[in-house]
All heavy atoms as atom14 arrays in JSON, in Angstrom:
{
  "sequence": "NPFFWGEMEQYVMSTFKRNPLEQAFRTPNTHLTSNYLINQYWITVS",
  "atom14_mask": [
    [1, 1, 1, 1, 1, 1, 1, 1, 0, 0, 0, 0, 0, 0],
    [1, 1, 1, 1, 1, 1, 1, 0, 0, 0, 0, 0, 0, 0],
    [1, 1, 1, 1, 1, 1, 1, 1, 1, 1, 1, 0, 0, 0],
    [1, 1, 1, 1, 1, 1, 1, 1, 1, 1, 1, 0, 0, 0],
    [1, 1, 1, 1, 1, 1, 1, 1, 1, 1, 1, 1, 1, 1],
    [1, 1, 1, 1, 0, 0, 0, 0, 0, 0, 0, 0, 0, 0],
    [1, 1, 1, 1, 1, 1, 1, 1, 1, 0, 0, 0, 0, 0],
    [1, 1, 1, 1, 1, 1, 1, 1, 0, 0, 0, 0, 0, 0],
    [1, 1, 1, 1, 1, 1, 1, 1, 1, 0, 0, 0, 0, 0],
    [1, 1, 1, 1, 1, 1, 1, 1, 1, 0, 0, 0, 0, 0],
    [1, 1, 1, 1, 1, 1, 1, 1, 1, 1, 1, 1, 0, 0],
    [1, 1, 1, 1, 1, 1, 1, 0, 0, 0, 0, 0, 0, 0],
    [1, 1, 1, 1, 1, 1, 1, 1, 0, 0, 0, 0, 0, 0],
    [1, 1, 1, 1, 1, 1, 0, 0, 0, 0, 0, 0, 0, 0],
    [1, 1, 1, 1, 1, 1, 1, 0, 0, 0, 0, 0, 0, 0],
    [1, 1, 1, 1, 1, 1, 1, 1, 1, 1, 1, 0, 0, 0],
    [1, 1, 1, 1, 1, 1, 1, 1, 1, 0, 0, 0, 0, 0],
    [1, 1, 1, 1, 1, 1, 1, 1, 1, 1, 1, 0, 0, 0],
    [1, 1, 1, 1, 1, 1, 1, 1, 0, 0, 0, 0, 0, 0],
    [1, 1, 1, 1, 1, 1, 1, 0, 0, 0, 0, 0, 0, 0],
    [1, 1, 1, 1, 1, 1, 1, 1, 0, 0, 0, 0, 0, 0],
    [1, 1, 1, 1, 1, 1, 1, 1, 1, 0, 0, 0, 0, 0],
    [1, 1, 1, 1, 1, 1, 1, 1, 1, 0, 0, 0, 0, 0],
    [1, 1, 1, 1, 1, 0, 0, 0, 0, 0, 0, 0, 0, 0],
    [1, 1, 1, 1, 1, 1, 1, 1, 1, 1, 1, 0, 0, 0],
    [1, 1, 1, 1, 1, 1, 1, 1, 1, 1, 1, 0, 0, 0],
    [1, 1, 1, 1, 1, 1, 1, 0, 0, 0, 0, 0, 0, 0],
    [1, 1, 1, 1, 1, 1, 1, 0, 0, 0, 0, 0, 0, 0],
    [1, 1, 1, 1, 1, 1, 1, 1, 0, 0, 0, 0, 0, 0],
    [1, 1, 1, 1, 1, 1, 1, 0, 0, 0, 0, 0, 0, 0],
    [1, 1, 1, 1, 1, 1, 1, 1, 1, 1, 0, 0, 0, 0],
    [1, 1, 1, 1, 1, 1, 1, 1, 0, 0, 0, 0, 0, 0],
    [1, 1, 1, 1, 1, 1, 1, 0, 0, 0, 0, 0, 0, 0],
    [1, 1, 1, 1, 1, 1, 0, 0, 0, 0, 0, 0, 0, 0],
    [1, 1, 1, 1, 1, 1, 1, 1, 0, 0, 0, 0, 0, 0],
    [1, 1, 1, 1, 1, 1, 1, 1, 1, 1, 1, 1, 0, 0],
    [1, 1, 1, 1, 1, 1, 1, 1, 0, 0, 0, 0, 0, 0],
    [1, 1, 1, 1, 1, 1, 1, 1, 0, 0, 0, 0, 0, 0],
    [1, 1, 1, 1, 1, 1, 1, 1, 0, 0, 0, 0, 0, 0],
    [1, 1, 1, 1, 1, 1, 1, 1, 1, 0, 0, 0, 0, 0],
    [1, 1, 1, 1, 1, 1, 1, 1, 1, 1, 1, 1, 0, 0],
    [1, 1, 1, 1, 1, 1, 1, 1, 1, 1, 1, 1, 1, 1],
    [1, 1, 1, 1, 1, 1, 1, 1, 0, 0, 0, 0, 0, 0],
    [1, 1, 1, 1, 1, 1, 1, 0, 0, 0, 0, 0, 0, 0],
    [1, 1, 1, 1, 1, 1, 1, 0, 0, 0, 0, 0, 0, 0],
    [1, 1, 1, 1, 1, 1, 0, 0, 0, 0, 0, 0, 0, 0]
  ],
  "atom14_positions": [
    [[1.09, 21.33, 9.05], [0.14, 20.24, 9.2], [0.76, 18.96, 8.62], [0.28, 18.45, 7.63], [-1.16, 20.55, 8.54], [-2.23, 19.57, 8.86], [-2.17, 18.84, 9.87], [-3.21, 19.46, 8.0], [0.0, 0.0, 0.0], [0.0, 0.0, 0.0], [0.0, 0.0, 0.0], [0.0, 0.0, 0.0], [0.0, 0.0, 0.0], [0.0, 0.0, 0.0]],
    [[1.89, 18.48, 9.16], [2.58, 17.35, 8.53], [1.75, 16.08, 8.53], [1.08, 15.8, 9.51], [3.85, 17.19, 9.32], [3.55, 17.83, 10.65], [2.49, 18.91, 10.41], [0.0, 0.0, 0.0], [0.0, 0.0, 0.0], [0.0, 0.0, 0.0], [0.0, 0.0, 0.0], [0.0, 0.0, 0.0], [0.0, 0.0, 0.0], [0.0, 0.0, 0.0]],
    [[1.79, 15.41, 7.43], [1.15, 14.08, 7.24], [2.26, 13.21, 6.6], [2.79, 13.55, 5.6], [-0.06, 14.25, 6.33], [-0.94, 13.05, 6.21], [-1.6, 12.6, 7.33], [-1.13, 12.44, 5.0], [-2.42, 11.48, 7.26], [-1.98, 11.3, 4.93], [-2.63, 10.84, 6.06], [0.0, 0.0, 0.0], [0.0, 0.0, 0.0], [0.0, 0.0, 0.0]],
    [[2.52, 12.09, 7.23], [3.68, 11.33, 6.89], [3.27, 10.18, 5.9], [2.18, 9.71, 5.91], [4.37, 10.76, 8.13], [4.83, 11.86, 9.07], [3.98, 12.3, 10.05], [6.06, 12.48, 8.85], [4.41, 13.33, 10.9], [6.45, 13.52, 9.71], [5.61, 13.92, 10.72], [0.0, 0.0, 0.0], [0.0, 0.0, 0.0], [0.0, 0.0, 0.0]],
    [[4.21, 9.7, 5.09], [3.98, 8.69, 4.13], [3.49, 7.39, 4.82], [2.56, 6.71, 4.28], [5.19, 8.39, 3.24], [5.41, 9.46, 2.24], [6.42, 10.38, 2.18], [4.57, 9.76, 1.11], [6.24, 11.18, 1.1], [5.11, 10.83, 0.38], [3.37, 9.24, 0.61], [4.56, 11.35, -0.72], [2.79, 9.75, -0.57], [3.4, 10.82, -1.21]],
    [[3.97, 7.09, 6.0], [3.49, 5.93, 6.7], [2.04, 6.06, 7.05], [1.22, 5.12, 6.97], [0.0, 0.0, 0.0], [0.0, 0.0, 0.0], [0.0, 0.0, 0.0], [0.0, 0.0, 0.0], [0.0, 0.0, 0.0], [0.0, 0.0, 0.0], [0.0, 0.0, 0.0], [0.0, 0.0, 0.0], [0.0, 0.0, 0.0], [0.0, 0.0, 0.0]],
    [[1.62, 7.3, 7.49], [0.21, 7.55, 7.74], [-0.63, 7.46, 6.47], [-1.7, 6.91, 6.44], [0.0, 8.91, 8.39], [0.62, 9.1, 9.75], [0.54, 10.51, 10.16], [1.2, 11.41, 9.59], [-0.29, 10.78, 11.14], [0.0, 0.0, 0.0], [0.0, 0.0, 0.0], [0.0, 0.0, 0.0], [0.0, 0.0, 0.0], [0.0, 0.0, 0.0]],
    [[-0.03, 7.98, 5.36], [-0.71, 7.91, 4.1], [-1.03, 6.51, 3.66], [-2.11, 6.2, 3.18], [0.14, 8.67, 3.02], [-0.5, 8.71, 1.63], [-1.9, 9.83, 1.55], [-1.03, 11.38, 1.53], [0.0, 0.0, 0.0], [0.0, 0.0, 0.0], [0.0, 0.0, 0.0], [0.0, 0.0, 0.0], [0.0, 0.0, 0.0], [0.0, 0.0, 0.0]],
    [[0.01, 5.61, 3.84], [-0.17, 4.18, 3.46], [-1.38, 3.62, 4.22], [-2.27, 3.01, 3.63], [1.06, 3.4, 3.8], [0.92, 1.91, 3.72], [2.08, 1.13, 4.35], [2.81, 1.71, 5.21], [2.17, -0.05, 4.04], [0.0, 0.0, 0.0], [0.0, 0.0, 0.0], [0.0, 0.0, 0.0], [0.0, 0.0, 0.0], [0.0, 0.0, 0.0]],
    [[-1.48, 3.86, 5.54], [-2.55, 3.3, 6.35], [-3.85, 3.87, 5.94], [-4.93, 3.19, 5.83], [-2.3, 3.6, 7.87], [-1.08, 2.86, 8.4], [-0.72, 3.35, 9.75], [-1.29, 4.25, 10.32], [0.36, 2.75, 10.32], [0.0, 0.0, 0.0], [0.0, 0.0, 0.0], [0.0, 0.0, 0.0], [0.0, 0.0, 0.0], [0.0, 0.0, 0.0]],
    [[-3.89, 5.21, 5.71], [-5.13, 5.89, 5.33], [-5.66, 5.42, 3.96], [-6.85, 5.07, 3.82], [-4.93, 7.38, 5.33], [-6.15, 8.17, 4.98], [-7.11, 8.44, 5.95], [-6.37, 8.75, 3.74], [-8.24, 9.15, 5.69], [-7.47, 9.44, 3.41], [-8.43, 9.68, 4.4], [-9.6, 10.38, 4.12], [0.0, 0.0, 0.0], [0.0, 0.0, 0.0]],
    [[-4.74, 5.36, 2.97], [-5.18, 4.92, 1.61], [-5.67, 3.48, 1.64], [-6.68, 3.16, 1.05], [-4.0, 5.13, 0.61], [-4.25, 4.43, -0.68], [-3.71, 6.59, 0.45], [0.0, 0.0, 0.0], [0.0, 0.0, 0.0], [0.0, 0.0, 0.0], [0.0, 0.0, 0.0], [0.0, 0.0, 0.0], [0.0, 0.0, 0.0], [0.0, 0.0, 0.0]],
    [[-4.92, 2.56, 2.31], [-5.28, 1.17, 2.28], [-6.63, 0.92, 3.03], [-7.52, 0.28, 2.54], [-4.21, 0.31, 3.02], [-2.98, 0.1, 2.13], [-3.38, -0.68, 0.53], [-3.45, 0.69, -0.57], [0.0, 0.0, 0.0], [0.0, 0.0, 0.0], [0.0, 0.0, 0.0], [0.0, 0.0, 0.0], [0.0, 0.0, 0.0], [0.0, 0.0, 0.0]],
    [[-6.85, 1.66, 4.22], [-8.12, 1.47, 4.89], [-9.29, 2.1, 4.1], [-10.37, 1.54, 4.06], [-8.02, 2.15, 6.3], [-7.95, 3.53, 6.22], [0.0, 0.0, 0.0], [0.0, 0.0, 0.0], [0.0, 0.0, 0.0], [0.0, 0.0, 0.0], [0.0, 0.0, 0.0], [0.0, 0.0, 0.0], [0.0, 0.0, 0.0], [0.0, 0.0, 0.0]],
    [[-9.02, 3.17, 3.36], [-10.1, 3.75, 2.5], [-10.47, 2.83, 1.43], [-11.66, 2.54, 1.15], [-9.59, 5.09, 1.88], [-9.3, 5.98, 2.99], [-10.61, 5.65, 0.95], [0.0, 0.0, 0.0], [0.0, 0.0, 0.0], [0.0, 0.0, 0.0], [0.0, 0.0, 0.0], [0.0, 0.0, 0.0], [0.0, 0.0, 0.0], [0.0, 0.0, 0.0]],
    [[-9.52, 2.17, 0.76], [-9.83, 1.25, -0.35], [-10.42, -0.07, 0.13], [-11.17, -0.69, -0.57], [-8.63, 1.01, -1.25], [-8.32, 2.17, -2.14], [-6.98, 2.59, -2.33], [-9.29, 2.73, -2.9], [-6.7, 3.59, -3.13], [-9.01, 3.81, -3.74], [-7.7, 4.21, -3.88], [0.0, 0.0, 0.0], [0.0, 0.0, 0.0], [0.0, 0.0, 0.0]],
    [[-10.11, -0.45, 1.37], [-10.74, -1.65, 1.91], [-12.18, -1.4, 2.28], [-13.04, -2.22, 2.1], [-9.95, -2.21, 3.1], [-8.64, -2.84, 2.56], [-7.78, -3.39, 3.7], [-6.49, -3.96, 3.08], [-5.49, -4.33, 4.1], [0.0, 0.0, 0.0], [0.0, 0.0, 0.0], [0.0, 0.0, 0.0], [0.0, 0.0, 0.0], [0.0, 0.0, 0.0]],
    [[-12.47, -0.17, 2.76], [-13.87, 0.18, 3.09], [-14.69, 0.53, 1.81], [-15.87, 0.25, 1.76], [-13.91, 1.48, 3.97], [-13.63, 1.18, 5.35], [-13.93, 2.41, 6.31], [-13.62, 3.71, 5.74], [-12.43, 4.31, 5.81], [-11.42, 3.73, 6.41], [-12.25, 5.52, 5.3], [0.0, 0.0, 0.0], [0.0, 0.0, 0.0], [0.0, 0.0, 0.0]],
    [[-14.03, 1.11, 0.8], [-14.67, 1.5, -0.42], [-13.92, 0.99, -1.59], [-13.16, 1.74, -2.23], [-14.7, 3.04, -0.5], [-15.39, 3.72, 0.68], [-16.49, 3.5, 0.96], [-14.56, 4.4, 1.48], [0.0, 0.0, 0.0], [0.0, 0.0, 0.0], [0.0, 0.0, 0.0], [0.0, 0.0, 0.0], [0.0, 0.0, 0.0], [0.0, 0.0, 0.0]],
    [[-14.05, -0.27, -1.91], [-13.22, -0.86, -2.99], [-13.57, -0.23, -4.36], [-14.64, 0.14, -4.63], [-13.58, -2.37, -2.96], [-14.8, -2.43, -2.15], [-14.94, -1.21, -1.3], [0.0, 0.0, 0.0], [0.0, 0.0, 0.0], [0.0, 0.0, 0.0], [0.0, 0.0, 0.0], [0.0, 0.0, 0.0], [0.0, 0.0, 0.0], [0.0, 0.0, 0.0]],
    [[-12.47, -0.17, -5.18], [-12.68, 0.3, -6.55], [-13.3, -0.83, -7.41], [-13.14, -2.02, -7.16], [-11.28, 0.73, -7.15], [-10.63, 1.9, -6.46], [-9.3, 2.11, -7.11], [-11.45, 3.1, -6.56], [0.0, 0.0, 0.0], [0.0, 0.0, 0.0], [0.0, 0.0, 0.0], [0.0, 0.0, 0.0], [0.0, 0.0, 0.0], [0.0, 0.0, 0.0]],
    [[-14.03, -0.39, -8.45], [-14.55, -1.35, -9.42], [-13.5, -2.01, -10.19], [-12.45, -1.43, -10.47], [-15.53, -0.68, -10.33], [-16.76, -0.1, -9.63], [-17.7, 0.55, -10.59], [-17.49, 0.48, -11.86], [-18.66, 1.27, -10.11], [0.0, 0.0, 0.0], [0.0, 0.0, 0.0], [0.0, 0.0, 0.0], [0.0, 0.0, 0.0], [0.0, 0.0, 0.0]],
    [[-13.68, -3.27, -10.55], [-12.77, -4.05, -11.4], [-11.36, -4.09, -10.85], [-10.38, -3.99, -11.62], [-12.82, -3.55, -12.8], [-14.14, -3.6, -13.46], [-14.16, -2.97, -14.81], [-13.32, -2.19, -15.18], [-15.17, -3.38, -15.64], [0.0, 0.0, 0.0], [0.0, 0.0, 0.0], [0.0, 0.0, 0.0], [0.0, 0.0, 0.0], [0.0, 0.0, 0.0]],
    [[-11.25, -4.29, -9.53], [-9.93, -4.38, -8.93], [-9.3, -5.72, -9.38], [-9.94, -6.72, -9.56], [-9.97, -4.37, -7.42], [0.0, 0.0, 0.0], [0.0, 0.0, 0.0], [0.0, 0.0, 0.0], [0.0, 0.0, 0.0], [0.0, 0.0, 0.0], [0.0, 0.0, 0.0], [0.0, 0.0, 0.0], [0.0, 0.0, 0.0], [0.0, 0.0, 0.0]],
    [[-7.96, -5.69, -9.55], [-7.17, -6.82, -10.0], [-7.11, -7.85, -8.86], [-7.25, -9.01, -9.01], [-5.82, -6.36, -10.41], [-4.85, -7.47, -10.81], [-5.08, -8.33, -11.89], [-3.75, -7.72, -10.04], [-4.25, -9.35, -12.19], [-2.82, -8.73, -10.34], [-3.08, -9.48, -11.44], [0.0, 0.0, 0.0], [0.0, 0.0, 0.0], [0.0, 0.0, 0.0]],
    [[-6.86, -7.3, -7.61], [-6.83, -8.05, -6.38], [-7.03, -7.12, -5.22], [-7.0, -5.97, -5.37], [-5.59, -8.93, -6.27], [-4.32, -8.12, -6.4], [-3.09, -9.06, -6.45], [-1.96, -8.23, -6.93], [-0.69, -8.66, -7.05], [-0.45, -9.92, -6.81], [0.18, -7.88, -7.42], [0.0, 0.0, 0.0], [0.0, 0.0, 0.0], [0.0, 0.0, 0.0]],
    [[-7.16, -7.7, -4.04], [-7.4, -6.93, -2.82], [-6.27, -5.93, -2.63], [-5.11, -6.34, -2.67], [-7.58, -7.84, -1.59], [-8.62, -8.76, -1.86], [-7.89, -6.97, -0.35], [0.0, 0.0, 0.0], [0.0, 0.0, 0.0], [0.0, 0.0, 0.0], [0.0, 0.0, 0.0], [0.0, 0.0, 0.0], [0.0, 0.0, 0.0], [0.0, 0.0, 0.0]],
    [[-6.59, -4.68, -2.35], [-5.47, -3.67, -2.07], [-4.65, -4.17, -0.9], [-5.17, -4.47, 0.21], [-6.24, -2.4, -1.83], [-7.59, -2.55, -2.39], [-7.86, -4.02, -2.33], [0.0, 0.0, 0.0], [0.0, 0.0, 0.0], [0.0, 0.0, 0.0], [0.0, 0.0, 0.0], [0.0, 0.0, 0.0], [0.0, 0.0, 0.0], [0.0, 0.0, 0.0]],
    [[-3.34, -4.1, -1.04], [-2.46, -4.48, 0.05], [-1.02, -3.91, -0.21], [-0.09, -4.69, -0.38], [-2.43, -5.99, 0.2], [-1.8, -6.41, 1.48], [-1.64, -5.61, 2.46], [-1.23, -7.57, 1.56], [0.0, 0.0, 0.0], [0.0, 0.0, 0.0], [0.0, 0.0, 0.0], [0.0, 0.0, 0.0], [0.0, 0.0, 0.0], [0.0, 0.0, 0.0]],
    [[-0.93, -2.59, -0.29], [0.39, -2.0, -0.69], [1.09, -1.69, 0.64], [0.52, -1.25, 1.61], [0.12, -0.7, -1.44], [-0.54, -1.01, -2.59], [1.42, -0.05, -1.81], [0.0, 0.0, 0.0], [0.0, 0.0, 0.0], [0.0, 0.0, 0.0], [0.0, 0.0, 0.0], [0.0, 0.0, 0.0], [0.0, 0.0, 0.0], [0.0, 0.0, 0.0]],
    [[2.44, -1.84, 0.6], [3.29, -1.6, 1.74], [4.43, -0.71, 1.27], [4.97, -0.86, 0.25], [3.88, -2.89, 2.3], [2.81, -3.82, 2.89], [2.19, -3.58, 4.03], [2.28, -4.95, 2.4], [1.25, -4.49, 4.32], [1.29, -5.37, 3.23], [0.0, 0.0, 0.0], [0.0, 0.0, 0.0], [0.0, 0.0, 0.0], [0.0, 0.0, 0.0]],
    [[4.71, 0.32, 2.17], [5.82, 1.18, 1.95], [7.01, 0.63, 2.76], [6.87, 0.25, 3.9], [5.52, 2.6, 2.41], [4.84, 3.53, 1.4], [3.43, 3.05, 1.05], [4.75, 4.89, 1.96], [0.0, 0.0, 0.0], [0.0, 0.0, 0.0], [0.0, 0.0, 0.0], [0.0, 0.0, 0.0], [0.0, 0.0, 0.0], [0.0, 0.0, 0.0]],
    [[8.18, 0.66, 2.17], [9.39, 0.29, 2.88], [10.56, 1.21, 2.35], [10.55, 1.6, 1.22], [9.78, -1.19, 2.7], [10.96, -1.42, 3.47], [9.97, -1.55, 1.23], [0.0, 0.0, 0.0], [0.0, 0.0, 0.0], [0.0, 0.0, 0.0], [0.0, 0.0, 0.0], [0.0, 0.0, 0.0], [0.0, 0.0, 0.0], [0.0, 0.0, 0.0]],
    [[11.45, 1.52, 3.26], [12.67, 2.28, 2.86], [13.84, 1.39, 2.52], [14.88, 1.79, 2.17], [13.05, 3.29, 3.91], [13.27, 2.62, 5.15], [0.0, 0.0, 0.0], [0.0, 0.0, 0.0], [0.0, 0.0, 0.0], [0.0, 0.0, 0.0], [0.0, 0.0, 0.0], [0.0, 0.0, 0.0], [0.0, 0.0, 0.0], [0.0, 0.0, 0.0]],
    [[13.63, 0.07, 2.79], [14.67, -0.96, 2.58], [14.64, -1.45, 1.15], [13.68, -2.04, 0.69], [14.5, -2.08, 3.58], [15.63, -3.08, 3.52], [15.85, -3.71, 2.51], [16.35, -3.18, 4.6], [0.0, 0.0, 0.0], [0.0, 0.0, 0.0], [0.0, 0.0, 0.0], [0.0, 0.0, 0.0], [0.0, 0.0, 0.0], [0.0, 0.0, 0.0]],
    [[15.68, -1.24, 0.44], [15.83, -1.66, -0.95], [15.61, -3.14, -1.16], [14.9, -3.53, -2.04], [17.17, -1.18, -1.56], [17.38, -1.63, -3.02], [16.78, -0.97, -4.04], [18.13, -2.75, -3.26], [16.97, -1.39, -5.37], [18.35, -3.19, -4.57], [17.74, -2.48, -5.61], [17.93, -2.9, -6.87], [0.0, 0.0, 0.0], [0.0, 0.0, 0.0]],
    [[16.26, -3.93, -0.34], [16.17, -5.39, -0.5], [14.77, -5.88, -0.2], [14.31, -6.79, -0.94], [17.21, -6.08, 0.44], [18.69, -5.85, 0.02], [19.6, -6.56, 1.03], [18.96, -6.42, -1.35], [0.0, 0.0, 0.0], [0.0, 0.0, 0.0], [0.0, 0.0, 0.0], [0.0, 0.0, 0.0], [0.0, 0.0, 0.0], [0.0, 0.0, 0.0]],
    [[14.15, -5.38, 0.77], [12.76, -5.8, 1.05], [11.87, -5.37, -0.07], [10.97, -6.17, -0.45], [12.23, -5.15, 2.41], [13.04, -5.85, 3.59], [10.75, -5.37, 2.6], [12.73, -5.19, 4.92], [0.0, 0.0, 0.0], [0.0, 0.0, 0.0], [0.0, 0.0, 0.0], [0.0, 0.0, 0.0], [0.0, 0.0, 0.0], [0.0, 0.0, 0.0]],
    [[12.07, -4.24, -0.57], [11.26, -3.76, -1.74], [11.46, -4.67, -2.95], [10.52, -5.03, -3.63], [11.57, -2.26, -2.07], [10.68, -1.74, -3.16], [9.44, -1.67, -2.95], [11.24, -1.29, -4.22], [0.0, 0.0, 0.0], [0.0, 0.0, 0.0], [0.0, 0.0, 0.0], [0.0, 0.0, 0.0], [0.0, 0.0, 0.0], [0.0, 0.0, 0.0]],
    [[12.7, -5.05, -3.21], [12.97, -5.97, -4.34], [12.34, -7.35, -4.13], [11.81, -7.93, -5.08], [14.51, -6.08, -4.55], [15.21, -4.88, -5.08], [14.54, -4.45, -6.4], [14.46, -5.16, -7.37], [14.12, -3.17, -6.41], [0.0, 0.0, 0.0], [0.0, 0.0, 0.0], [0.0, 0.0, 0.0], [0.0, 0.0, 0.0], [0.0, 0.0, 0.0]],
    [[12.36, -7.78, -2.89], [11.66, -9.08, -2.55], [10.17, -9.0, -2.93], [9.66, -9.86, -3.62], [11.9, -9.43, -1.12], [11.03, -10.59, -0.63], [11.35, -11.89, -0.92], [9.78, -10.32, 0.05], [10.52, -12.94, -0.5], [9.01, -11.36, 0.39], [9.37, -12.63, 0.13], [8.55, -13.71, 0.48], [0.0, 0.0, 0.0], [0.0, 0.0, 0.0]],
    [[9.52, -7.95, -2.42], [8.07, -7.81, -2.69], [7.79, -7.52, -4.16], [6.68, -7.96, -4.68], [7.5, -6.7, -1.79], [7.35, -7.24, -0.41], [8.0, -6.73, 0.72], [6.56, -8.32, 0.01], [7.69, -7.55, 1.83], [6.73, -8.49, 1.45], [5.65, -9.2, -0.61], [6.09, -9.47, 2.19], [5.01, -10.2, 0.1], [5.24, -10.31, 1.51]],
    [[8.66, -6.85, -4.89], [8.44, -6.68, -6.32], [8.48, -8.05, -6.97], [7.66, -8.37, -7.83], [9.6, -5.77, -6.92], [9.33, -4.31, -6.55], [9.66, -5.92, -8.4], [10.43, -3.36, -6.91], [0.0, 0.0, 0.0], [0.0, 0.0, 0.0], [0.0, 0.0, 0.0], [0.0, 0.0, 0.0], [0.0, 0.0, 0.0], [0.0, 0.0, 0.0]],
    [[9.45, -8.92, -6.6], [9.54, -10.31, -7.16], [8.31, -11.1, -6.81], [7.74, -11.7, -7.66], [10.79, -10.91, -6.68], [11.94, -10.18, -7.03], [10.96, -12.34, -7.29], [0.0, 0.0, 0.0], [0.0, 0.0, 0.0], [0.0, 0.0, 0.0], [0.0, 0.0, 0.0], [0.0, 0.0, 0.0], [0.0, 0.0, 0.0], [0.0, 0.0, 0.0]],
    [[7.91, -11.1, -5.56], [6.79, -11.94, -5.1], [5.45, -11.44, -5.54], [4.61, -12.19, -5.9], [6.9, -12.04, -3.52], [5.62, -12.73, -2.97], [8.09, -12.83, -3.09], [0.0, 0.0, 0.0], [0.0, 0.0, 0.0], [0.0, 0.0, 0.0], [0.0, 0.0, 0.0], [0.0, 0.0, 0.0], [0.0, 0.0, 0.0], [0.0, 0.0, 0.0]],
    [[5.28, -10.08, -5.42], [3.9, -9.56, -5.66], [3.7, -8.96, -7.05], [2.54, -8.75, -7.44], [3.68, -8.44, -4.64], [3.63, -8.98, -3.35], [0.0, 0.0, 0.0], [0.0, 0.0, 0.0], [0.0, 0.0, 0.0], [0.0, 0.0, 0.0], [0.0, 0.0, 0.0], [0.0, 0.0, 0.0], [0.0, 0.0, 0.0], [0.0, 0.0, 0.0]]
  ]
}
């Protein structure tokens, strides 16, 4: 019953947008990437 990390990202984000956690720092918006440079960019920006 394979479930892929890309699917997990979509499922987790849609769940938290429908049912937000209390005292959130900001709106959930996590992205998965396999690209090191893109990840480093988002670490810097976000």
